[in-house]
Protein backbone atom coordinates (compact mmCIF):
# COMPACT_ATOMS: atom_id res chain seq x y z
CA MET A 1 86.71 -221.34 129.58
CA PRO A 2 85.02 -224.57 130.77
CA SER A 3 86.25 -226.54 133.78
CA TYR A 4 87.54 -230.02 132.98
CA ALA A 5 88.29 -233.27 134.77
CA TYR A 6 90.94 -235.51 133.27
CA PHE A 7 89.86 -238.98 132.15
CA TRP A 8 93.14 -240.74 131.40
CA GLY A 9 91.74 -244.22 130.72
CA CYS A 10 93.81 -247.38 131.11
CA TYR A 11 96.60 -247.38 128.53
CA VAL A 12 97.88 -243.81 128.85
CA PRO A 13 98.84 -243.96 132.57
CA ALA A 14 100.01 -247.58 132.43
CA ARG A 15 101.80 -247.91 129.08
CA LEU A 16 102.20 -244.41 127.64
CA PRO A 17 102.74 -241.97 130.52
CA PHE A 18 104.61 -239.59 128.23
CA MET A 19 101.24 -238.83 126.59
CA GLU A 20 99.87 -237.84 129.98
CA LYS A 21 102.94 -235.70 130.77
CA ALA A 22 102.72 -233.76 127.49
CA THR A 23 98.99 -233.14 127.98
CA ARG A 24 99.46 -231.84 131.51
CA LEU A 25 102.37 -229.58 130.57
CA ALA A 26 100.67 -228.13 127.49
CA PHE A 27 97.38 -227.54 129.33
CA ASP A 28 99.16 -225.91 132.27
CA GLN A 29 101.08 -223.63 129.92
CA LEU A 30 97.86 -222.63 128.14
CA GLY A 31 95.97 -222.06 131.39
CA VAL A 32 93.39 -224.83 130.92
CA ASP A 33 91.40 -225.52 134.10
CA ALA A 34 91.72 -229.31 134.32
CA VAL A 35 91.99 -231.44 137.47
CA ASP A 36 92.13 -235.09 138.46
CA VAL A 37 89.11 -236.71 140.13
CA GLU A 38 88.91 -239.89 142.18
CA GLY A 39 86.95 -243.08 141.61
CA LEU A 40 87.28 -243.60 137.84
CA THR A 41 87.53 -247.00 136.18
CA CYS A 42 88.03 -248.14 132.58
CA CYS A 43 85.69 -246.13 130.34
CA PRO A 44 84.91 -249.14 129.50
CA GLU A 45 86.50 -250.11 126.18
CA LYS A 46 84.07 -250.82 123.35
CA THR A 47 85.49 -253.74 121.39
CA MET A 48 85.89 -255.99 124.43
CA VAL A 49 83.54 -254.95 127.24
CA ARG A 50 80.64 -253.79 125.05
CA ASN A 51 80.79 -256.91 122.91
CA MET A 52 80.69 -259.08 126.01
CA SER A 53 77.86 -257.21 127.72
CA HIS A 54 76.12 -254.03 126.60
CA ARG A 55 74.65 -253.64 130.10
CA THR A 56 78.11 -253.80 131.71
CA TRP A 57 79.45 -251.29 129.20
CA LEU A 58 76.59 -248.82 129.69
CA LEU A 59 76.47 -249.02 133.50
CA THR A 60 80.22 -248.56 133.82
CA ALA A 61 80.20 -245.55 131.49
CA ALA A 62 77.20 -244.01 133.31
CA ARG A 63 78.94 -244.45 136.66
CA ASN A 64 82.04 -242.62 135.35
CA LEU A 65 79.89 -239.84 133.89
CA SER A 66 78.13 -239.40 137.24
CA ILE A 67 81.53 -238.61 138.80
CA ALA A 68 82.03 -235.79 136.30
CA GLU A 69 78.57 -234.47 137.20
CA GLU A 70 79.39 -234.54 140.91
CA ALA A 71 82.56 -232.57 140.22
CA GLY A 72 80.66 -230.09 138.06
CA ARG A 73 83.17 -230.60 135.27
CA THR A 74 83.42 -231.90 131.72
CA PHE A 75 85.61 -234.92 131.09
CA VAL A 76 88.61 -234.31 128.84
CA THR A 77 90.50 -237.34 127.59
CA PRO A 78 93.60 -237.96 125.46
CA CYS A 79 92.18 -241.35 124.42
CA THR A 80 89.89 -241.63 121.41
CA GLY A 81 88.54 -244.94 122.73
CA CYS A 82 87.48 -243.35 126.03
CA PHE A 83 86.10 -240.38 124.10
CA ALA A 84 83.98 -242.63 121.87
CA THR A 85 82.74 -244.79 124.75
CA LEU A 86 81.74 -242.01 127.14
CA LYS A 87 80.30 -239.83 124.39
CA GLY A 88 78.41 -242.76 122.89
CA ALA A 89 76.98 -243.83 126.23
CA ALA A 90 75.84 -240.28 127.02
CA VAL A 91 74.13 -239.99 123.62
CA GLU A 92 72.41 -243.37 124.06
CA LEU A 93 71.06 -242.45 127.49
CA ARG A 94 69.85 -239.03 126.36
CA SER A 95 68.00 -240.54 123.40
CA ASP A 96 66.20 -243.24 125.45
CA PRO A 97 64.52 -241.91 128.62
CA ALA A 98 63.31 -245.37 129.62
CA LEU A 99 66.83 -246.78 129.39
CA HIS A 100 68.16 -243.76 131.30
CA GLU A 101 65.67 -244.44 134.10
CA GLU A 102 66.61 -248.12 134.17
CA VAL A 103 70.33 -247.27 134.42
CA ASN A 104 69.64 -244.88 137.29
CA ARG A 105 67.78 -247.62 139.18
CA GLU A 106 70.92 -249.72 138.89
CA LEU A 107 73.18 -246.81 139.91
CA ALA A 108 70.99 -246.13 142.95
CA ARG A 109 72.11 -249.47 144.41
CA ILE A 110 75.59 -247.93 144.88
CA GLY A 111 74.31 -244.51 145.87
CA ARG A 112 74.84 -242.83 142.51
CA THR A 113 72.71 -241.17 139.86
CA TYR A 114 73.39 -239.84 136.37
CA ARG A 115 71.29 -236.80 135.48
CA GLY A 116 72.50 -236.66 131.86
CA THR A 117 74.26 -233.30 132.13
CA ALA A 118 77.86 -234.52 132.00
CA ASP A 119 79.78 -234.23 128.76
CA VAL A 120 83.09 -235.53 127.47
CA VAL A 121 85.50 -233.95 125.00
CA HIS A 122 88.76 -234.99 123.45
CA VAL A 123 92.00 -233.08 124.06
CA LEU A 124 91.77 -231.79 120.48
CA ASP A 125 88.28 -230.42 121.23
CA VAL A 126 89.73 -228.20 123.94
CA LEU A 127 92.51 -226.96 121.69
CA TYR A 128 90.23 -226.35 118.70
CA GLN A 129 87.08 -225.05 120.41
CA ASP A 130 88.42 -223.20 123.46
CA PHE A 131 91.45 -221.72 121.73
CA GLY A 132 91.35 -222.27 117.99
CA PRO A 133 94.27 -222.40 115.54
CA ALA A 134 94.81 -218.62 115.49
CA GLU A 135 94.96 -218.28 119.28
CA LEU A 136 97.27 -221.28 119.61
CA ARG A 137 99.55 -219.80 116.98
CA SER A 138 99.80 -216.58 118.96
CA ARG A 139 100.84 -218.51 122.10
CA LEU A 140 103.78 -220.34 120.53
CA ARG A 141 107.36 -219.60 121.46
CA TYR A 142 108.70 -221.50 118.45
CA ARG A 143 107.06 -222.25 115.14
CA MET A 144 107.61 -225.46 113.22
CA THR A 145 107.93 -223.78 109.85
CA GLY A 146 109.41 -226.15 107.32
CA MET A 147 108.52 -229.30 109.27
CA LYS A 148 106.38 -231.80 107.36
CA VAL A 149 103.86 -233.66 109.52
CA ALA A 150 101.60 -236.57 108.58
CA VAL A 151 98.31 -236.57 110.51
CA HIS A 152 96.59 -239.80 111.58
CA TYR A 153 93.09 -239.14 112.93
CA GLY A 154 92.20 -242.63 114.10
CA CYS A 155 88.76 -244.20 113.77
CA HIS A 156 87.22 -243.47 117.16
CA LEU A 157 87.90 -239.75 117.06
CA LEU A 158 85.55 -239.40 114.09
CA ARG A 159 83.17 -242.35 113.90
CA PRO A 160 80.31 -242.91 114.57
CA SER A 161 79.96 -239.28 113.51
CA GLN A 162 76.29 -238.97 114.58
CA GLU A 163 77.42 -239.55 118.18
CA LEU A 164 80.85 -237.94 118.33
CA LEU A 165 80.21 -234.86 116.17
CA PHE A 166 83.93 -234.09 116.11
CA ASP A 167 84.50 -233.59 112.37
CA ASP A 168 83.59 -235.01 108.98
CA PRO A 169 84.04 -238.81 109.29
CA PHE A 170 85.99 -239.13 106.03
CA TRP A 171 87.16 -235.60 105.12
CA PRO A 172 88.17 -234.05 108.46
CA THR A 173 90.28 -230.90 108.75
CA LYS A 174 90.43 -229.88 112.43
CA PHE A 175 93.50 -231.93 113.35
CA ASP A 176 95.27 -230.71 110.21
CA GLN A 177 94.47 -227.11 111.15
CA LEU A 178 95.93 -227.62 114.62
CA VAL A 179 99.11 -229.03 113.09
CA GLU A 180 99.40 -226.09 110.73
CA ALA A 181 98.76 -223.71 113.64
CA LEU A 182 102.20 -224.84 114.84
CA GLY A 183 103.66 -223.56 111.57
CA ALA A 184 104.17 -227.07 110.18
CA THR A 185 102.82 -228.44 106.90
CA SER A 186 100.26 -231.23 107.06
CA VAL A 187 101.25 -233.59 104.26
CA VAL A 188 98.81 -235.47 102.04
CA TYR A 189 99.19 -239.25 101.72
CA PRO A 190 96.92 -241.98 100.25
CA SER A 191 96.11 -244.00 103.37
CA LYS A 192 95.47 -241.03 105.65
CA MET A 193 91.97 -242.14 106.68
CA ASP A 194 92.78 -245.86 107.00
CA CYS A 195 92.52 -247.61 110.37
CA CYS A 196 95.80 -248.40 112.14
CA GLY A 197 94.78 -252.05 112.50
CA GLY A 198 96.01 -252.27 116.08
CA LEU A 199 92.95 -254.15 117.39
CA LEU A 200 93.74 -257.04 115.06
CA LEU A 201 96.39 -258.06 117.61
CA ARG A 202 93.64 -258.89 120.10
CA ALA A 203 92.07 -261.17 117.50
CA GLY A 204 95.38 -262.97 117.05
CA GLU A 205 95.84 -261.56 113.53
CA GLU A 206 99.38 -260.27 113.96
CA ASP A 207 100.33 -260.58 110.29
CA SER A 208 97.41 -258.41 109.21
CA ALA A 209 98.17 -255.88 111.95
CA ARG A 210 101.78 -255.69 110.76
CA ALA A 211 100.68 -255.25 107.14
CA MET A 212 98.33 -252.36 107.97
CA CYS A 213 101.02 -250.66 110.02
CA ARG A 214 103.69 -251.16 107.37
CA ASP A 215 101.52 -249.91 104.48
CA LYS A 216 100.64 -246.61 106.16
CA LEU A 217 104.20 -245.98 107.34
CA ARG A 218 105.52 -246.51 103.82
CA ASP A 219 102.92 -244.11 102.43
CA ILE A 220 104.01 -241.45 104.90
CA ILE A 221 107.71 -242.01 104.28
CA THR A 222 107.09 -241.72 100.54
CA ALA A 223 105.35 -238.39 101.21
CA GLU A 224 108.64 -237.27 102.85
CA ALA A 225 107.06 -236.42 106.19
CA ASP A 226 109.38 -235.74 109.13
CA ILE A 227 107.00 -237.34 111.62
CA LEU A 228 103.61 -238.98 112.11
CA THR A 229 101.36 -237.35 114.72
CA LEU A 230 98.27 -238.88 116.33
CA VAL A 231 95.98 -238.63 119.37
CA CYS A 232 95.11 -242.21 120.29
CA PRO A 233 97.02 -244.56 122.63
CA SER A 234 96.05 -247.65 120.60
CA CYS A 235 97.30 -246.00 117.42
CA MET A 236 100.47 -244.91 119.24
CA MET A 237 101.18 -248.49 120.29
CA GLN A 238 100.57 -249.71 116.75
CA TYR A 239 102.78 -247.18 114.95
CA ASP A 240 105.45 -246.87 117.64
CA ASN A 241 105.62 -250.36 119.16
CA MET A 242 104.80 -252.30 116.00
CA GLN A 243 107.17 -250.20 113.92
CA ASN A 244 109.89 -251.00 116.45
CA LEU A 245 109.20 -254.72 115.99
CA LEU A 246 109.35 -254.31 112.21
CA GLN A 247 112.67 -252.49 112.58
CA ARG A 248 114.06 -255.30 114.69
CA ALA A 249 112.96 -257.74 112.00
CA GLY A 250 115.17 -255.84 109.55
CA GLU A 251 112.59 -253.67 107.79
CA ASP A 252 113.74 -250.26 106.61
CA LEU A 253 111.29 -248.11 108.58
CA ASN A 254 112.30 -245.14 110.70
CA LEU A 255 109.43 -242.69 111.12
CA PRO A 256 109.21 -240.84 114.45
CA VAL A 257 105.71 -240.92 115.97
CA LEU A 258 104.63 -238.08 118.26
CA TYR A 259 101.44 -237.45 120.18
CA TYR A 260 100.09 -234.04 119.14
CA PRO A 261 100.40 -232.42 122.62
CA GLU A 262 104.09 -233.37 122.50
CA LEU A 263 104.46 -231.26 119.36
CA LEU A 264 102.45 -228.48 120.95
CA ALA A 265 104.53 -228.55 124.12
CA LEU A 266 107.75 -228.26 122.10
CA ALA A 267 106.33 -225.30 120.19
CA LEU A 268 105.33 -223.70 123.50
CA GLY A 269 109.00 -223.81 124.51
CA MET A 270 109.34 -226.98 126.58
CA GLU A 271 112.43 -229.14 126.47
CA PRO A 272 112.34 -232.68 124.99
CA SER A 273 113.74 -234.00 128.27
CA GLU A 274 110.70 -232.61 130.14
CA LEU A 275 108.36 -234.57 127.90
CA GLY A 276 110.04 -237.96 128.10
CA LEU A 277 110.51 -238.26 124.35
CA ASP A 278 113.21 -240.84 124.98
CA ARG A 279 110.42 -243.20 126.12
CA HIS A 280 109.22 -243.73 122.56
CA ARG A 281 110.12 -247.10 121.07
CA VAL A 282 111.05 -245.58 117.70
CA LYS A 283 113.77 -243.01 118.21
CA VAL A 284 112.75 -239.42 117.54
CA ASP A 285 116.37 -238.22 117.11
CA SER A 286 116.02 -237.32 113.42
CA PHE A 287 113.07 -235.07 114.18
CA LEU A 288 114.69 -233.52 117.25
CA GLU A 289 117.90 -232.77 115.35
CA LYS A 290 115.94 -230.79 112.77
CA TRP A 291 113.80 -229.20 115.48
CA GLU A 292 116.77 -228.14 117.64
CA ALA A 293 118.43 -226.47 114.65
CA ARG A 294 115.24 -224.57 113.86
CA ARG A 295 114.76 -223.58 117.49
CA ALA A 296 118.34 -222.25 117.67
CA ASN A 297 117.70 -220.14 114.57
CA ILE A 298 114.53 -218.72 116.08
CA ASP A 299 116.45 -217.85 119.24
CA VAL A 300 118.74 -215.75 117.02
CA VAL A 301 115.66 -214.04 115.58
CA ARG A 302 114.41 -213.27 119.10
CA GLU A 303 117.64 -211.41 119.87
CA HIS A 304 116.85 -208.79 117.22
CA TRP A 305 113.09 -208.78 116.59
CA ASP A 306 109.84 -209.09 118.49
CA TYR A 307 109.07 -212.64 117.37
CA ARG A 308 105.32 -212.40 117.98
CA LEU A 309 104.95 -209.23 115.92
CA LEU A 310 107.35 -210.52 113.28
CA SER A 311 105.25 -213.67 112.87
CA ALA A 312 102.05 -211.61 112.69
CA CYS A 313 103.61 -209.45 109.96
CA ALA A 314 104.66 -212.57 108.04
CA GLU A 315 101.10 -213.88 108.07
CA CYS A 316 99.43 -210.55 107.31
CA ALA A 317 101.13 -209.49 104.04
CA ALA A 318 98.41 -206.88 103.53
CA CYS A 319 100.84 -204.18 102.38
CA VAL A 320 102.70 -206.26 99.77
CA ASP A 321 100.54 -204.94 96.93
CA ASP A 322 101.20 -201.39 98.10
CA CYS A 323 105.00 -201.68 97.89
CA PRO A 324 106.10 -199.49 94.93
CA VAL A 325 109.24 -201.57 94.36
CA ALA A 326 107.22 -204.79 94.25
CA ARG A 327 104.90 -203.24 91.67
CA ALA A 328 107.85 -202.28 89.51
CA ASP A 329 109.80 -205.52 90.06
CA PRO A 330 107.61 -208.68 89.93
CA THR A 331 110.50 -210.74 91.35
CA TYR A 332 110.49 -208.78 94.62
CA ASN A 333 108.19 -209.74 97.47
CA PRO A 334 109.22 -208.19 100.81
CA ASN A 335 106.85 -210.49 102.69
CA GLU A 336 108.93 -213.48 101.59
CA LEU A 337 111.86 -211.97 103.48
CA VAL A 338 109.71 -211.45 106.57
CA ARG A 339 108.40 -215.03 106.33
CA ALA A 340 111.95 -216.35 106.06
CA LEU A 341 112.93 -214.45 109.21
CA ALA A 342 109.88 -215.81 111.05
CA ALA A 343 111.03 -219.29 110.04
CA GLY A 344 114.47 -218.60 111.54
CA GLU A 345 116.25 -218.36 108.19
CA VAL A 346 118.33 -215.33 109.20
CA ASP A 347 121.42 -216.17 107.14
CA GLN A 348 119.35 -216.61 103.99
CA VAL A 349 117.78 -213.17 104.42
CA LEU A 350 121.03 -211.38 105.26
CA GLU A 351 122.69 -212.83 102.17
CA SER A 352 119.78 -211.94 99.87
CA ALA A 353 120.12 -209.06 97.41
CA ASP A 354 116.36 -208.54 97.80
CA LEU A 355 116.93 -207.22 101.33
CA TRP A 356 118.34 -204.00 99.87
CA LYS A 357 115.45 -203.47 97.46
CA CYS A 358 113.46 -201.93 100.30
CA VAL A 359 113.93 -198.21 99.65
CA GLU A 360 112.37 -197.24 103.00
CA CYS A 361 109.64 -195.12 101.43
CA TYR A 362 107.45 -195.61 104.55
CA THR A 363 104.41 -196.72 102.51
CA CYS A 364 104.08 -199.94 104.53
CA ALA A 365 104.82 -198.06 107.74
CA GLU A 366 101.88 -195.73 107.18
CA LEU A 367 99.53 -198.61 106.35
CA CYS A 368 100.54 -201.08 109.07
CA PRO A 369 97.80 -201.30 111.75
CA ASN A 370 100.33 -202.64 114.29
CA LYS A 371 103.06 -200.13 113.44
CA TYR A 372 105.50 -203.04 113.12
CA ASP A 373 105.89 -202.82 109.40
CA GLN A 374 108.09 -204.58 106.87
CA MET A 375 110.38 -201.59 106.56
CA LYS A 376 111.19 -201.61 110.28
CA ILE A 377 111.85 -205.36 110.19
CA LEU A 378 114.06 -205.17 107.11
CA ARG A 379 115.99 -202.19 108.46
CA VAL A 380 117.16 -204.33 111.38
CA ALA A 381 118.17 -207.05 108.90
CA LYS A 382 120.15 -204.50 106.87
CA HIS A 383 122.02 -203.46 109.99
CA LEU A 384 122.95 -207.09 110.71
CA ALA A 385 123.95 -207.66 107.07
CA ALA A 386 126.18 -204.58 107.14
CA GLU A 387 127.85 -205.83 110.33
CA ARG A 388 128.67 -209.09 108.52
CA GLY A 389 130.08 -207.29 105.49
CA LEU A 390 127.14 -208.27 103.29
CA ALA A 391 126.02 -204.78 102.26
CA PRO A 392 126.03 -203.82 98.52
CA SER A 393 129.06 -201.92 97.22
CA GLY A 394 127.09 -198.68 96.94
CA VAL A 395 126.17 -198.82 100.63
CA VAL A 396 129.74 -199.70 101.62
CA GLU A 397 131.15 -196.81 99.59
CA GLY A 398 128.64 -194.39 101.08
CA MET A 399 129.55 -195.44 104.62
CA LYS A 400 133.25 -195.12 103.82
CA ALA A 401 132.73 -191.55 102.54
CA PHE A 402 130.75 -190.70 105.66
CA ARG A 403 133.51 -191.99 107.96
CA GLU A 404 136.30 -190.23 106.08
CA LYS A 405 134.68 -186.92 105.13
CA GLY A 406 131.55 -186.61 107.24
CA ARG A 407 129.42 -186.50 104.11
CA LEU A 408 128.26 -189.03 101.52
CA ILE A 409 129.46 -186.86 98.61
CA GLU A 410 131.52 -183.70 98.09
CA ALA A 411 129.96 -180.61 96.59
CA SER A 412 131.16 -179.25 93.19
CA VAL A 413 132.97 -175.97 93.80
CA ALA A 414 132.69 -174.91 90.14
CA GLN A 415 128.97 -175.58 89.87
CA ARG A 416 128.21 -173.70 93.06
CA ARG A 417 130.37 -170.77 91.85
CA ARG A 418 128.44 -170.58 88.58
CA LEU A 419 125.18 -170.42 90.56
CA GLY A 420 126.57 -167.79 92.86
CA LEU A 421 126.45 -169.97 95.91
CA PRO A 422 129.02 -169.77 98.70
CA PRO A 423 131.53 -172.62 99.16
CA VAL A 424 130.45 -175.54 101.34
CA ALA A 425 132.34 -175.52 104.62
CA LYS A 426 134.55 -178.51 105.32
CA ALA A 427 132.89 -181.07 107.60
CA PRO A 428 134.43 -181.29 111.10
CA THR A 429 135.54 -184.91 110.64
CA GLU A 430 137.91 -184.86 113.64
CA GLU A 431 135.12 -183.89 116.00
CA LEU A 432 132.75 -186.44 114.44
CA THR A 433 135.37 -189.17 114.76
CA GLU A 434 135.95 -188.27 118.40
CA LEU A 435 132.20 -188.38 119.01
CA LEU A 436 131.52 -191.63 117.23
CA GLY A 437 134.74 -193.49 117.81
CA GLU A 438 136.85 -195.24 115.22
CA GLY A 439 133.89 -197.07 113.72
CA VAL A 440 130.35 -195.88 113.17
CA GLU A 441 128.12 -198.29 115.06
CA GLU A 442 124.49 -197.61 114.37
CA GLU A 443 122.38 -198.36 117.40
CA ASN A 444 119.54 -200.70 116.57
CA GLU A 445 116.85 -198.91 118.51
CA GLU A 446 114.05 -200.80 116.79
CA THR A 447 114.88 -204.22 118.13
CA GLN A 448 112.29 -205.45 120.61
CA GLU A 449 110.14 -202.31 120.22
């Protein structure tokens, strides 16, 4: 895995430190090699510094990049503006050797040089390229199954695409894939690729900035998303701070806005209090209430199943077509039960009649490459259902006969006599009762195996 140096920029440390905290915690949990380095300034920002002086913009960016070179590390930043500036400056210098030489003459006056080897990536680059959705999914402690998330890419993560090379400038998918790696659903909404409009505030166009913010928020609310997630401090200030102002003006808007590493950190098992989620201007209580309930359900699942293997089984579903009951009964899909358990919906599964359609024929057990098959998972669920009194009448009657007579059914004396077979000896129920106790408690040996 590459070695990184954090480039936090201006707004994240000063105005949005919770974005920094979530990034650090998530990266530490994942084992990303990222450190802080000294001597950094503003990237510098494009729309102000570059428009005032291209020379100032390029020299400042080159100086910052030279620090990454000295450290032998790649810059990683949570800010799309810093990403676009540093990446754009590096591309410009690589494509123009004469300009590169001129910049180095200027840098020499302060004892620095930029060789052109330093690179910069966004936080999402690290998560997508170094890990990938599948690896991230395997690292999660909790999955956000059932949560609906609206993704906002932001302009400077994608464009200009010939410099940034992050994803398609108008039909991107990487951020959506990272959201769905958490188990959530990335919702579709009309204004998904629209700019947030936050920079209009610098131009004194507050009404237009409010309108752009309002329109996207309403689109997302109409799509019934639980939250909006993004990866840009300017966009965060627009959708969190501006939405708060619209709320105070009486507008009916209440959409929690979370930075993606905050979502990731929660899924990795961190507490909301660790992340400073109370620092958001728009309260995230509605999201956290739903999340806490889901997390509690998953904790129940962890008590009885290996959650990692259970989740892998839910996603695999390779043996569904081999299930003889599913072939005979089109309404039965055992993988749906496994998926429900992986989503923490234990009560729903235990109360389902479909749970008892598994006849334990061992077909899936023989085919499962991980030897953690559907049958084993559903057998544990049957045990829990029986404990709650949710077993079918046939199962209940069979267990009652076993407790009372030591057998599920009594043999026919007459039929055995006609076949010349000896009588069946009476089962030693007293000894069995003494051995097992008053109730027959089946040990669930398969939990956590």
